Protein backbone atom coordinates (compact mmCIF):
# COMPACT_ATOMS: atom_id res chain seq x y z
CA MET A 1 0.00 0.00 0.00
CA PRO A 2 2.58 2.62 -1.05
CA LYS A 3 1.90 6.30 -0.50
CA GLN A 4 1.27 8.13 -3.76
CA ILE A 5 3.68 11.06 -4.08
CA PRO A 6 3.81 13.40 -7.09
CA ALA A 7 7.03 13.06 -9.03
CA THR A 8 7.72 16.79 -8.63
CA ARG A 9 7.55 16.64 -4.83
CA SER A 10 10.64 15.81 -2.83
CA THR A 11 10.27 14.58 0.73
CA SER A 12 12.80 13.67 3.40
CA ILE A 13 12.97 10.06 4.62
CA ALA A 14 11.60 11.13 8.02
CA GLY A 15 8.81 13.06 6.33
CA LEU A 16 7.96 10.08 4.15
CA LEU A 17 7.70 7.76 7.11
CA ALA A 18 5.56 10.21 9.06
CA ALA A 19 3.28 10.85 6.10
CA THR A 20 2.90 7.16 5.34
CA SER A 21 1.94 6.38 8.93
CA LEU A 22 -0.67 9.13 8.76
CA VAL A 23 -2.17 7.64 5.62
CA LEU A 24 -2.40 4.22 7.24
CA ALA A 25 -3.92 5.68 10.40
CA LEU A 26 -6.54 7.53 8.42
CA SER A 27 -7.88 4.82 6.19
CA GLY A 28 -5.83 1.65 6.12
CA CYS A 29 -5.09 1.10 2.45
CA ALA A 30 -5.25 4.72 1.27
CA SER A 31 -4.65 6.16 -2.16
CA PHE A 32 -4.10 9.80 -1.35
CA ASP A 33 -1.30 11.94 0.01
CA VAL A 34 -1.03 13.05 3.64
CA THR A 35 1.68 15.22 5.15
CA ALA A 36 2.33 17.17 8.33
CA PRO A 37 2.78 20.97 8.35
CA ALA A 38 6.44 20.74 9.40
CA ASP A 39 7.19 18.34 6.53
CA ALA A 40 5.35 20.59 4.08
CA ARG A 41 7.48 23.55 5.17
CA ALA A 42 10.68 21.50 4.95
CA ASP A 43 9.80 20.38 1.44
CA ALA A 44 8.82 23.84 0.14
CA PRO A 45 10.51 24.71 -3.18
CA ALA A 46 13.50 27.03 -2.87
CA ALA A 47 11.67 29.81 -4.71
CA ASP A 48 8.85 29.77 -2.15
CA VAL A 49 11.34 29.89 0.72
CA GLN A 50 13.14 32.87 -0.82
CA THR A 51 9.84 34.69 -1.32
CA LYS A 52 8.83 34.02 2.28
CA ASP A 53 12.18 35.26 3.58
CA ALA A 54 11.87 38.43 1.48
CA LYS A 55 8.41 39.12 2.88
CA ASN A 56 9.65 38.58 6.42
CA ALA A 57 12.51 41.01 5.85
CA LYS A 58 10.16 43.62 4.41
CA GLY A 59 7.75 43.13 7.30
CA SER A 60 10.55 43.73 9.79
CA GLN A 61 11.63 46.90 7.98
CA ASP A 62 8.07 48.21 7.83
CA GLY A 63 7.34 47.32 11.45
CA GLY A 64 4.70 44.85 10.34
CA ALA A 65 3.98 41.56 12.09
CA GLN A 66 5.14 38.61 10.02
CA VAL A 67 4.98 35.04 11.27
CA ASP A 68 7.57 32.45 10.29
CA CYS A 69 6.49 29.09 11.68
CA ARG A 70 9.86 27.59 10.80
CA LYS A 71 11.13 29.60 13.76
CA ALA A 72 8.06 30.51 15.83
CA LYS A 73 6.16 28.01 17.98
CA CYS A 74 2.96 28.06 15.94
CA VAL A 75 -0.45 26.49 16.30
CA ALA A 76 -3.37 26.95 13.90
CA LEU A 77 -6.81 27.81 15.27
CA THR A 78 -9.77 26.64 13.19
CA PHE A 79 -13.54 26.88 13.52
CA ASP A 80 -16.00 24.61 11.73
CA ALA A 81 -19.65 24.73 10.68
CA GLY A 82 -20.36 28.48 10.89
CA PRO A 83 -20.91 31.27 10.51
CA SER A 84 -23.54 31.37 13.24
CA GLU A 85 -25.14 33.75 15.72
CA ASN A 86 -21.95 33.37 17.80
CA THR A 87 -19.49 34.37 15.08
CA ASN A 88 -19.51 38.14 15.60
CA ARG A 89 -18.74 37.66 19.28
CA LEU A 90 -15.90 35.33 18.33
CA LEU A 91 -14.54 37.84 15.83
CA ASP A 92 -14.62 40.54 18.54
CA ILE A 93 -12.51 38.28 20.78
CA LEU A 94 -10.01 37.46 18.04
CA LYS A 95 -9.69 41.14 17.15
CA LYS A 96 -9.07 42.09 20.76
CA GLU A 97 -6.47 39.35 21.17
CA LYS A 98 -4.88 40.08 17.76
CA ALA A 99 -5.25 36.45 16.72
CA HIS A 100 -6.27 35.03 13.36
CA ALA A 101 -8.09 31.82 12.56
CA THR A 102 -9.29 29.70 9.65
CA PHE A 103 -13.06 29.34 9.26
CA PHE A 104 -14.27 26.15 7.58
CA MET A 105 -17.76 27.28 6.69
CA LEU A 106 -20.94 25.47 5.78
CA GLY A 107 -23.09 26.74 2.95
CA LYS A 108 -26.68 25.80 3.75
CA ASN A 109 -28.16 27.86 6.61
CA HIS A 110 -24.77 29.47 7.26
CA ILE A 111 -22.96 31.19 4.37
CA GLU A 112 -26.23 31.70 2.52
CA LYS A 113 -27.92 33.26 5.57
CA ARG A 114 -24.97 35.19 7.03
CA PRO A 115 -23.07 36.88 4.20
CA ALA A 116 -22.22 39.84 6.46
CA GLU A 117 -20.28 37.55 8.79
CA VAL A 118 -18.47 35.98 5.83
CA ARG A 119 -17.41 39.45 4.67
CA ARG A 120 -16.28 40.37 8.17
CA ILE A 121 -14.22 37.17 8.54
CA ASP A 122 -12.42 38.11 5.35
CA ALA A 123 -12.08 41.82 6.11
CA GLU A 124 -10.45 41.17 9.49
CA GLY A 125 -7.72 38.97 8.05
CA HIS A 126 -9.04 35.50 8.83
CA GLU A 127 -8.96 32.65 6.35
CA LEU A 128 -12.05 31.59 4.41
CA ALA A 129 -12.32 27.82 3.96
CA ASN A 130 -14.79 25.18 2.81
CA HIS A 131 -16.66 22.65 4.99
CA THR A 132 -19.15 21.57 2.29
CA TRP A 133 -22.64 22.86 1.59
CA SER A 134 -24.71 20.62 3.85
CA HIS A 135 -22.22 18.55 5.87
CA GLN A 136 -22.74 15.33 3.96
CA ILE A 137 -20.08 12.67 4.49
CA LEU A 138 -18.18 12.90 1.22
CA THR A 139 -17.03 9.29 1.24
CA GLU A 140 -20.63 8.06 1.44
CA ILE A 141 -22.14 9.94 -1.50
CA LYS A 142 -21.65 9.79 -5.25
CA PRO A 143 -18.63 11.66 -6.66
CA GLU A 144 -20.83 14.15 -8.52
CA GLU A 145 -22.70 14.92 -5.29
CA ALA A 146 -19.44 15.37 -3.40
CA LYS A 147 -18.23 17.76 -6.05
CA ARG A 148 -21.44 19.80 -5.74
CA GLU A 149 -21.09 19.89 -1.95
CA LEU A 150 -17.71 21.58 -2.33
CA SER A 151 -18.23 23.66 -5.48
CA ARG A 152 -21.39 25.33 -4.15
CA VAL A 153 -19.40 26.71 -1.23
CA GLN A 154 -16.63 27.85 -3.56
CA ASP A 155 -19.17 29.74 -5.67
CA ALA A 156 -20.98 31.26 -2.68
CA VAL A 157 -17.81 32.54 -1.00
CA ARG A 158 -16.52 33.95 -4.28
CA LYS A 159 -19.82 35.75 -4.87
CA ILE A 160 -19.73 37.35 -1.41
CA THR A 161 -16.02 38.20 -1.09
CA GLY A 162 -14.49 37.90 -4.55
CA LYS A 163 -12.16 35.23 -3.14
CA THR A 164 -12.19 31.48 -3.67
CA PRO A 165 -11.19 29.17 -0.78
CA THR A 166 -8.11 27.01 -1.24
CA LEU A 167 -8.69 24.84 1.85
CA MET A 168 -11.44 22.40 2.78
CA ARG A 169 -12.19 20.17 5.72
CA PRO A 170 -14.17 16.99 5.00
CA PRO A 171 -17.01 16.43 7.47
CA GLN A 172 -15.86 14.10 10.27
CA GLY A 173 -12.43 14.11 8.62
CA ARG A 174 -13.66 11.36 6.29
CA THR A 175 -11.74 11.33 3.04
CA ASP A 176 -10.40 8.87 0.47
CA GLY A 177 -8.79 8.82 -2.94
CA GLU A 178 -11.97 9.89 -4.72
CA VAL A 179 -12.53 12.86 -2.41
CA SER A 180 -8.89 13.83 -2.76
CA GLN A 181 -9.16 13.84 -6.56
CA ILE A 182 -12.30 15.97 -6.44
CA SER A 183 -10.55 18.37 -4.07
CA LYS A 184 -7.58 18.54 -6.40
CA ASP A 185 -9.83 19.29 -9.36
CA LEU A 186 -11.44 22.15 -7.43
CA GLY A 187 -8.10 23.58 -6.24
CA LEU A 188 -8.68 22.58 -2.61
CA ALA A 189 -6.20 21.18 -0.09
CA GLN A 190 -7.67 19.06 2.71
CA VAL A 191 -7.07 20.06 6.33
CA LEU A 192 -7.48 17.63 9.21
CA TRP A 193 -6.55 18.29 12.85
CA SER A 194 -4.59 17.13 15.88
CA VAL A 195 -6.56 18.83 18.67
CA THR A 196 -10.27 18.47 19.33
CA ALA A 197 -12.24 19.65 22.36
CA LYS A 198 -15.26 17.59 21.27
CA ASP A 199 -17.25 20.75 21.91
CA TYR A 200 -20.25 19.10 20.26
CA GLU A 201 -20.54 16.98 23.42
CA THR A 202 -20.48 19.73 26.04
CA ASN A 203 -21.26 23.40 26.72
CA ASP A 204 -18.77 23.44 29.61
CA SER A 205 -16.30 26.15 28.55
CA ALA A 206 -13.80 25.18 31.25
CA LEU A 207 -13.76 21.59 29.98
CA ILE A 208 -13.36 22.76 26.38
CA THR A 209 -10.39 24.91 27.44
CA LYS A 210 -8.83 22.03 29.38
CA ARG A 211 -9.15 19.60 26.47
CA VAL A 212 -7.55 22.03 24.01
CA LEU A 213 -4.63 22.88 26.24
CA GLU A 214 -3.94 19.23 27.12
CA GLN A 215 -3.58 18.27 23.46
CA THR A 216 -1.87 21.30 21.95
CA GLN A 217 1.71 21.07 20.79
CA ARG A 218 3.80 22.89 18.21
CA ASP A 219 2.46 22.75 14.62
CA GLY A 220 -0.91 21.51 15.87
CA ILE A 221 -4.26 22.32 14.28
CA ILE A 222 -7.03 23.00 16.79
CA LEU A 223 -10.59 22.07 15.82
CA LEU A 224 -13.44 24.04 17.42
CA HIS A 225 -16.98 24.94 16.35
CA ASP A 226 -18.38 28.45 16.65
CA ILE A 227 -21.93 27.06 16.49
CA TYR A 228 -21.94 25.68 20.05
CA LYS A 229 -22.74 27.78 23.13
CA GLY A 230 -19.77 26.74 25.22
CA THR A 231 -17.07 27.23 22.61
CA VAL A 232 -16.78 30.97 22.07
CA PRO A 233 -16.66 31.75 25.82
CA ALA A 234 -13.69 29.35 26.05
CA VAL A 235 -11.65 31.17 23.41
CA PRO A 236 -10.24 34.04 25.56
CA GLY A 237 -8.84 31.60 28.11
CA ILE A 238 -7.43 29.34 25.40
CA LEU A 239 -5.68 32.24 23.68
CA LYS A 240 -4.34 33.66 26.95
CA GLU A 241 -2.83 30.33 28.02
CA LEU A 242 -1.43 29.53 24.58
CA LYS A 243 0.32 32.91 24.54
CA LYS A 244 1.64 32.26 28.05
CA ARG A 245 3.09 28.97 26.82
CA GLY A 246 4.89 30.71 23.96
CA TYR A 247 2.57 29.82 21.09
CA THR A 248 1.81 32.05 18.13
CA VAL A 249 -1.75 31.49 16.89
CA VAL A 250 -1.97 31.48 13.09
CA THR A 251 -4.16 30.48 10.16
CA VAL A 252 -3.62 27.15 8.44
CA SER A 253 -1.93 28.77 5.44
CA GLN A 254 0.44 30.64 7.77
CA LEU A 255 1.24 27.36 9.50
CA LEU A 256 2.18 25.74 6.18
CA SER A 257 4.13 28.70 4.80
CA PRO A 258 6.49 28.98 2.96
CA ALA A 259 4.83 25.93 1.43
CA LYS A 260 1.63 26.63 -0.43
CA PRO A 261 -1.43 24.41 0.14
CA GLU A 262 -1.31 21.68 -2.47
CA PRO A 263 -4.71 20.81 -4.01
CA GLY A 264 -5.75 17.28 -3.10
CA MET A 265 -3.14 16.91 -0.36
CA ALA A 266 -4.39 16.13 3.16
CA TYR A 267 -2.57 18.10 5.87
CA ARG A 268 -2.61 16.60 9.34
CA PRO A 269 -0.19 17.25 12.21
CA GLU A 270 1.17 14.48 14.31
CA ARG A 271 -1.03 13.95 17.35
CA PRO A 272 0.33 14.46 20.89
């Protein structure tokens, strides 16, 4: 069950072993590519690295804040299944704490009903991402249906913001070779996670905070949902403690940089 790797992509032996183990853990005999953020950064083409370094230098000269996760202790913060009635409060918190996140948004009853929140997410520097139109499990529906689930979100976000997402998160993290090919065709990289508070099980903000902090390590991707009552109130405490522990909170694309999200690739950090 060899891992399929594009001929143009070069990966270290350690990266290969880590990526292969991730594939096996995800789906047994898999036919799609999986890599960790640190491996993606290490394997970034030289031109991308030079461009990133130039931007960092310019940011330093201009006094701007640039994040280099090759050096900084980064963790990506992500929110699924919104926007919702809680999203503006969440955005207020993120703005106050000067933190940015990636929002994997649903189309039906969310993007279509809350375009103002979608515009605000974009305007305040957060990352717009795709979580399908109606949260169907992509591995359990026909390929043409799966494609519609993703493409409808692409079209809706583009219509509202003028931007097209480059990242998607499959519902329940369920993906396979077919889903990966569809994602590739639509220009979408797949983003999984290493930290989950299981906030769909509880409204206890203290428990949500505890679960996140227990699991977080460098290069992790935190999965939360801004649709649940207990989640947004937990965010200030999570951010405060992560900062205290030396973490820089970033978007998924910042975590991967200088690598660029590769369509079809599944990105998943190593779990604690």
